[in-house]
Amino acid sequence: MIAVSEHSQGCVLPIRAQPGAKKNAILGEHAGALRVAVTAAPERGKANEAIRDVLCDSLGCKASQVAILSGEASREKRFLISGMKVEDLANRLSALLAGSTSADPKARS
């Protein structure tokens, strides 16, 4: 289960990043964090921007709603999803993960 937490501006989503992947994708869950693979290299914030883009597309958010809070240089990151309640984000994640794990059995961890 992904450990989404409340924030005064929305909610915090923990991310386990996989930069330099073959394709951009949500891979599932790992130790309470959402696993996100991106093709961008982990240099000069390129992978962080790519993760933000994947989150926006996957969760149906505007780019202005998604910002990195911590972990800029780490695989373990925390992103702020502004203007969204924890329950709403949890529901979107459940639907997203149900789709990704059924389509790709390797996505389970």
N, C-alpha and C. Protein backbone atom coordinates (compact mmCIF):
# COMPACT_ATOMS: atom_id res chain seq x y z
N MET A 1 0.84 -1.18 0.00
CA MET A 1 0.00 0.00 0.00
C MET A 1 0.89 1.24 0.00
N ILE A 2 0.53 2.21 -0.81
CA ILE A 2 1.32 3.43 -0.93
C ILE A 2 0.95 4.37 0.22
N ALA A 3 1.97 4.88 0.90
CA ALA A 3 1.80 5.69 2.11
C ALA A 3 1.60 7.16 1.77
N VAL A 4 0.41 7.50 1.28
CA VAL A 4 0.07 8.89 0.98
C VAL A 4 -0.23 9.59 2.30
N SER A 5 0.28 10.81 2.45
CA SER A 5 0.04 11.56 3.68
C SER A 5 -0.52 12.94 3.38
N GLU A 6 -1.18 13.49 4.39
CA GLU A 6 -1.78 14.82 4.23
C GLU A 6 -0.72 15.91 4.28
N HIS A 7 -1.03 17.00 3.61
CA HIS A 7 -0.20 18.20 3.60
C HIS A 7 -1.15 19.39 3.60
N SER A 8 -0.72 20.52 4.11
CA SER A 8 -1.60 21.68 4.19
C SER A 8 -2.09 22.14 2.82
N GLN A 9 -1.35 21.82 1.76
CA GLN A 9 -1.73 22.23 0.40
C GLN A 9 -2.29 21.10 -0.44
N GLY A 10 -2.38 19.91 0.11
CA GLY A 10 -2.87 18.76 -0.66
C GLY A 10 -2.44 17.47 -0.01
N CYS A 11 -1.62 16.68 -0.71
CA CYS A 11 -1.11 15.44 -0.12
C CYS A 11 0.27 15.13 -0.68
N VAL A 12 0.99 14.30 0.06
CA VAL A 12 2.36 13.94 -0.29
C VAL A 12 2.38 12.50 -0.79
N LEU A 13 2.99 12.31 -1.95
CA LEU A 13 3.10 11.00 -2.58
C LEU A 13 4.56 10.57 -2.59
N PRO A 14 4.90 9.48 -1.88
CA PRO A 14 6.27 8.98 -1.94
C PRO A 14 6.52 8.25 -3.26
N ILE A 15 7.70 8.48 -3.82
CA ILE A 15 8.07 7.92 -5.13
C ILE A 15 9.38 7.16 -5.00
N ARG A 16 9.45 6.02 -5.66
CA ARG A 16 10.71 5.28 -5.84
C ARG A 16 11.05 5.41 -7.32
N ALA A 17 12.07 6.20 -7.63
CA ALA A 17 12.41 6.53 -9.01
C ALA A 17 13.32 5.48 -9.65
N GLN A 18 13.12 5.27 -10.94
CA GLN A 18 13.99 4.42 -11.74
C GLN A 18 14.37 5.20 -13.00
N PRO A 19 15.40 6.05 -12.91
CA PRO A 19 15.82 6.81 -14.09
C PRO A 19 16.56 5.94 -15.09
N GLY A 20 16.62 6.39 -16.33
CA GLY A 20 17.36 5.66 -17.35
C GLY A 20 16.67 4.38 -17.82
N ALA A 21 15.36 4.31 -17.64
CA ALA A 21 14.60 3.12 -18.05
C ALA A 21 14.36 3.13 -19.56
N LYS A 22 13.84 2.02 -20.07
CA LYS A 22 13.55 1.93 -21.50
C LYS A 22 12.32 2.74 -21.90
N LYS A 23 11.38 2.92 -20.94
CA LYS A 23 10.18 3.71 -21.23
C LYS A 23 9.67 4.34 -19.94
N ASN A 24 8.88 5.39 -20.10
CA ASN A 24 8.24 6.04 -18.96
C ASN A 24 7.03 5.22 -18.56
N ALA A 25 6.94 4.87 -17.26
CA ALA A 25 5.82 4.04 -16.82
C ALA A 25 5.70 4.04 -15.31
N ILE A 26 4.48 3.77 -14.86
CA ILE A 26 4.22 3.47 -13.45
C ILE A 26 4.40 1.96 -13.32
N LEU A 27 5.30 1.53 -12.43
CA LEU A 27 5.63 0.11 -12.34
C LEU A 27 4.93 -0.62 -11.20
N GLY A 28 4.34 0.11 -10.28
CA GLY A 28 3.68 -0.53 -9.15
C GLY A 28 4.08 0.11 -7.85
N GLU A 29 4.18 -0.71 -6.82
CA GLU A 29 4.47 -0.23 -5.47
C GLU A 29 5.73 -0.89 -4.94
N HIS A 30 6.53 -0.14 -4.17
CA HIS A 30 7.73 -0.68 -3.54
C HIS A 30 7.91 -0.02 -2.18
N ALA A 31 7.79 -0.80 -1.12
CA ALA A 31 8.04 -0.32 0.25
C ALA A 31 7.25 0.94 0.58
N GLY A 32 5.99 0.98 0.20
CA GLY A 32 5.13 2.11 0.51
C GLY A 32 5.24 3.30 -0.42
N ALA A 33 5.98 3.14 -1.52
CA ALA A 33 6.15 4.22 -2.49
C ALA A 33 5.69 3.76 -3.87
N LEU A 34 5.29 4.72 -4.69
CA LEU A 34 4.92 4.45 -6.07
C LEU A 34 6.19 4.34 -6.90
N ARG A 35 6.37 3.23 -7.62
CA ARG A 35 7.53 3.05 -8.49
C ARG A 35 7.27 3.70 -9.83
N VAL A 36 8.15 4.62 -10.21
CA VAL A 36 8.01 5.34 -11.48
C VAL A 36 9.31 5.21 -12.26
N ALA A 37 9.21 4.70 -13.48
CA ALA A 37 10.36 4.58 -14.37
C ALA A 37 10.30 5.70 -15.40
N VAL A 38 11.46 6.31 -15.67
CA VAL A 38 11.54 7.36 -16.69
C VAL A 38 12.79 7.14 -17.54
N THR A 39 12.71 7.55 -18.79
CA THR A 39 13.84 7.39 -19.70
C THR A 39 14.93 8.42 -19.45
N ALA A 40 14.59 9.52 -18.84
CA ALA A 40 15.54 10.61 -18.60
C ALA A 40 16.66 10.17 -17.66
N ALA A 41 17.83 10.73 -17.91
CA ALA A 41 18.99 10.46 -17.05
C ALA A 41 18.88 11.27 -15.76
N PRO A 42 19.46 10.78 -14.68
CA PRO A 42 19.40 11.50 -13.41
C PRO A 42 20.44 12.62 -13.33
N GLU A 43 20.29 13.60 -14.21
CA GLU A 43 21.24 14.72 -14.21
C GLU A 43 20.50 16.03 -14.42
N ARG A 44 20.91 17.03 -13.66
CA ARG A 44 20.35 18.39 -13.75
C ARG A 44 18.83 18.42 -13.66
N GLY A 45 18.24 17.52 -12.88
CA GLY A 45 16.80 17.55 -12.65
C GLY A 45 15.95 16.99 -13.78
N LYS A 46 16.57 16.42 -14.81
CA LYS A 46 15.81 15.89 -15.95
C LYS A 46 14.89 14.74 -15.53
N ALA A 47 15.39 13.83 -14.71
CA ALA A 47 14.56 12.70 -14.27
C ALA A 47 13.42 13.19 -13.39
N ASN A 48 13.66 14.17 -12.54
CA ASN A 48 12.59 14.71 -11.68
C ASN A 48 11.48 15.33 -12.52
N GLU A 49 11.86 16.07 -13.56
CA GLU A 49 10.85 16.66 -14.45
C GLU A 49 10.07 15.57 -15.19
N ALA A 50 10.77 14.53 -15.61
CA ALA A 50 10.09 13.43 -16.30
C ALA A 50 9.13 12.71 -15.36
N ILE A 51 9.53 12.52 -14.10
CA ILE A 51 8.63 11.90 -13.13
C ILE A 51 7.40 12.76 -12.93
N ARG A 52 7.60 14.06 -12.82
CA ARG A 52 6.46 14.97 -12.68
C ARG A 52 5.50 14.84 -13.86
N ASP A 53 6.05 14.76 -15.07
CA ASP A 53 5.21 14.60 -16.26
C ASP A 53 4.44 13.29 -16.24
N VAL A 54 5.10 12.20 -15.83
CA VAL A 54 4.42 10.90 -15.74
C VAL A 54 3.30 10.96 -14.70
N LEU A 55 3.57 11.59 -13.57
CA LEU A 55 2.54 11.72 -12.53
C LEU A 55 1.35 12.54 -13.02
N CYS A 56 1.62 13.64 -13.71
CA CYS A 56 0.54 14.47 -14.25
C CYS A 56 -0.33 13.67 -15.21
N ASP A 57 0.30 12.97 -16.13
CA ASP A 57 -0.44 12.18 -17.11
C ASP A 57 -1.22 11.04 -16.44
N SER A 58 -0.58 10.35 -15.53
CA SER A 58 -1.18 9.18 -14.91
C SER A 58 -2.31 9.52 -13.93
N LEU A 59 -2.14 10.62 -13.21
CA LEU A 59 -3.12 10.99 -12.18
C LEU A 59 -4.14 12.00 -12.67
N GLY A 60 -3.96 12.51 -13.87
CA GLY A 60 -4.89 13.49 -14.41
C GLY A 60 -4.78 14.84 -13.73
N CYS A 61 -3.56 15.25 -13.42
CA CYS A 61 -3.31 16.52 -12.75
C CYS A 61 -2.69 17.52 -13.72
N LYS A 62 -2.79 18.81 -13.36
CA LYS A 62 -2.08 19.84 -14.10
C LYS A 62 -0.64 19.87 -13.60
N ALA A 63 0.26 20.33 -14.45
CA ALA A 63 1.68 20.42 -14.07
C ALA A 63 1.87 21.31 -12.85
N SER A 64 1.04 22.33 -12.72
CA SER A 64 1.16 23.25 -11.58
C SER A 64 0.75 22.60 -10.26
N GLN A 65 0.09 21.46 -10.30
CA GLN A 65 -0.35 20.76 -9.10
C GLN A 65 0.70 19.80 -8.55
N VAL A 66 1.74 19.51 -9.30
CA VAL A 66 2.72 18.49 -8.90
C VAL A 66 4.09 19.13 -8.74
N ALA A 67 4.66 19.00 -7.54
CA ALA A 67 5.99 19.58 -7.26
C ALA A 67 6.77 18.63 -6.36
N ILE A 68 8.08 18.63 -6.54
CA ILE A 68 8.93 17.78 -5.70
C ILE A 68 9.17 18.50 -4.36
N LEU A 69 9.01 17.74 -3.27
CA LEU A 69 9.25 18.29 -1.94
C LEU A 69 10.64 17.93 -1.43
N SER A 70 11.06 16.68 -1.66
CA SER A 70 12.36 16.24 -1.17
C SER A 70 12.87 15.08 -2.01
N GLY A 71 14.17 14.86 -1.93
CA GLY A 71 14.78 13.74 -2.63
C GLY A 71 15.23 14.06 -4.04
N GLU A 72 15.56 15.31 -4.31
CA GLU A 72 15.95 15.72 -5.66
C GLU A 72 17.07 14.86 -6.23
N ALA A 73 18.02 14.45 -5.39
CA ALA A 73 19.17 13.68 -5.86
C ALA A 73 19.13 12.22 -5.39
N SER A 74 17.96 11.75 -5.00
CA SER A 74 17.81 10.41 -4.46
C SER A 74 16.77 9.63 -5.26
N ARG A 75 16.81 8.32 -5.16
CA ARG A 75 15.75 7.51 -5.77
C ARG A 75 14.46 7.61 -4.97
N GLU A 76 14.59 7.86 -3.67
CA GLU A 76 13.43 8.02 -2.79
C GLU A 76 13.04 9.49 -2.78
N LYS A 77 11.87 9.80 -3.31
CA LYS A 77 11.42 11.18 -3.45
C LYS A 77 10.05 11.36 -2.82
N ARG A 78 9.70 12.60 -2.56
CA ARG A 78 8.36 12.94 -2.08
C ARG A 78 7.84 14.06 -2.95
N PHE A 79 6.68 13.83 -3.56
CA PHE A 79 6.05 14.84 -4.40
C PHE A 79 4.79 15.35 -3.74
N LEU A 80 4.57 16.66 -3.84
CA LEU A 80 3.35 17.29 -3.36
C LEU A 80 2.34 17.32 -4.50
N ILE A 81 1.15 16.80 -4.24
CA ILE A 81 0.05 16.88 -5.19
C ILE A 81 -0.91 17.91 -4.60
N SER A 82 -0.90 19.12 -5.13
CA SER A 82 -1.69 20.21 -4.58
C SER A 82 -3.16 20.09 -4.96
N GLY A 83 -4.01 20.54 -4.04
CA GLY A 83 -5.44 20.61 -4.31
C GLY A 83 -6.14 19.27 -4.41
N MET A 84 -5.55 18.23 -3.84
CA MET A 84 -6.17 16.91 -3.89
C MET A 84 -6.19 16.32 -2.48
N LYS A 85 -7.31 15.70 -2.15
CA LYS A 85 -7.43 15.05 -0.85
C LYS A 85 -6.79 13.67 -0.90
N VAL A 86 -6.37 13.20 0.26
CA VAL A 86 -5.71 11.90 0.37
C VAL A 86 -6.61 10.80 -0.19
N GLU A 87 -7.89 10.85 0.11
CA GLU A 87 -8.82 9.81 -0.37
C GLU A 87 -8.91 9.80 -1.89
N ASP A 88 -8.94 11.01 -2.48
CA ASP A 88 -9.02 11.10 -3.95
C ASP A 88 -7.76 10.53 -4.60
N LEU A 89 -6.61 10.89 -4.05
CA LEU A 89 -5.36 10.38 -4.60
C LEU A 89 -5.26 8.87 -4.41
N ALA A 90 -5.67 8.38 -3.25
CA ALA A 90 -5.65 6.94 -3.00
C ALA A 90 -6.53 6.19 -4.00
N ASN A 91 -7.70 6.74 -4.30
CA ASN A 91 -8.59 6.11 -5.28
C ASN A 91 -7.97 6.10 -6.67
N ARG A 92 -7.35 7.21 -7.06
CA ARG A 92 -6.71 7.27 -8.38
C ARG A 92 -5.55 6.29 -8.46
N LEU A 93 -4.77 6.20 -7.39
CA LEU A 93 -3.65 5.25 -7.36
C LEU A 93 -4.13 3.81 -7.42
N SER A 94 -5.20 3.51 -6.71
CA SER A 94 -5.74 2.14 -6.74
C SER A 94 -6.16 1.76 -8.15
N ALA A 95 -6.86 2.67 -8.82
CA ALA A 95 -7.30 2.40 -10.19
C ALA A 95 -6.10 2.27 -11.13
N LEU A 96 -5.11 3.13 -10.94
CA LEU A 96 -3.92 3.11 -11.77
C LEU A 96 -3.13 1.82 -11.59
N LEU A 97 -2.94 1.42 -10.34
CA LEU A 97 -2.17 0.21 -10.06
C LEU A 97 -2.93 -1.06 -10.47
N ALA A 98 -4.23 -1.04 -10.37
CA ALA A 98 -5.01 -2.19 -10.81
C ALA A 98 -4.82 -2.39 -12.31
N GLY A 99 -4.75 -1.30 -13.06
CA GLY A 99 -4.53 -1.38 -14.50
C GLY A 99 -3.12 -1.78 -14.85
N SER A 100 -2.13 -1.27 -14.12
CA SER A 100 -0.73 -1.56 -14.47
C SER A 100 -0.34 -2.98 -14.09
N THR A 101 -0.83 -3.49 -12.97
CA THR A 101 -0.43 -4.83 -12.57
C THR A 101 -1.11 -5.90 -13.39
N SER A 102 -2.32 -5.63 -13.87
CA SER A 102 -3.00 -6.63 -14.68
C SER A 102 -2.40 -6.68 -16.09
N ALA A 103 -1.88 -5.55 -16.55
CA ALA A 103 -1.30 -5.51 -17.89
C ALA A 103 0.14 -6.01 -17.90
N ASP A 104 0.85 -5.87 -16.79
CA ASP A 104 2.25 -6.25 -16.75
C ASP A 104 2.54 -7.02 -15.46
N PRO A 105 2.60 -8.34 -15.52
CA PRO A 105 2.83 -9.12 -14.32
C PRO A 105 4.18 -8.83 -13.67
N LYS A 106 5.17 -8.33 -14.41
CA LYS A 106 6.47 -8.01 -13.84
C LYS A 106 6.40 -6.77 -12.97
N ALA A 107 5.32 -5.97 -13.07
CA ALA A 107 5.20 -4.73 -12.31
C ALA A 107 4.98 -4.98 -10.84
N ARG A 108 4.57 -6.18 -10.46
CA ARG A 108 4.35 -6.49 -9.05
C ARG A 108 5.68 -6.62 -8.33
N SER A 109 5.70 -6.10 -7.10
CA SER A 109 6.95 -6.22 -6.34
C SER A 109 6.69 -6.66 -4.95
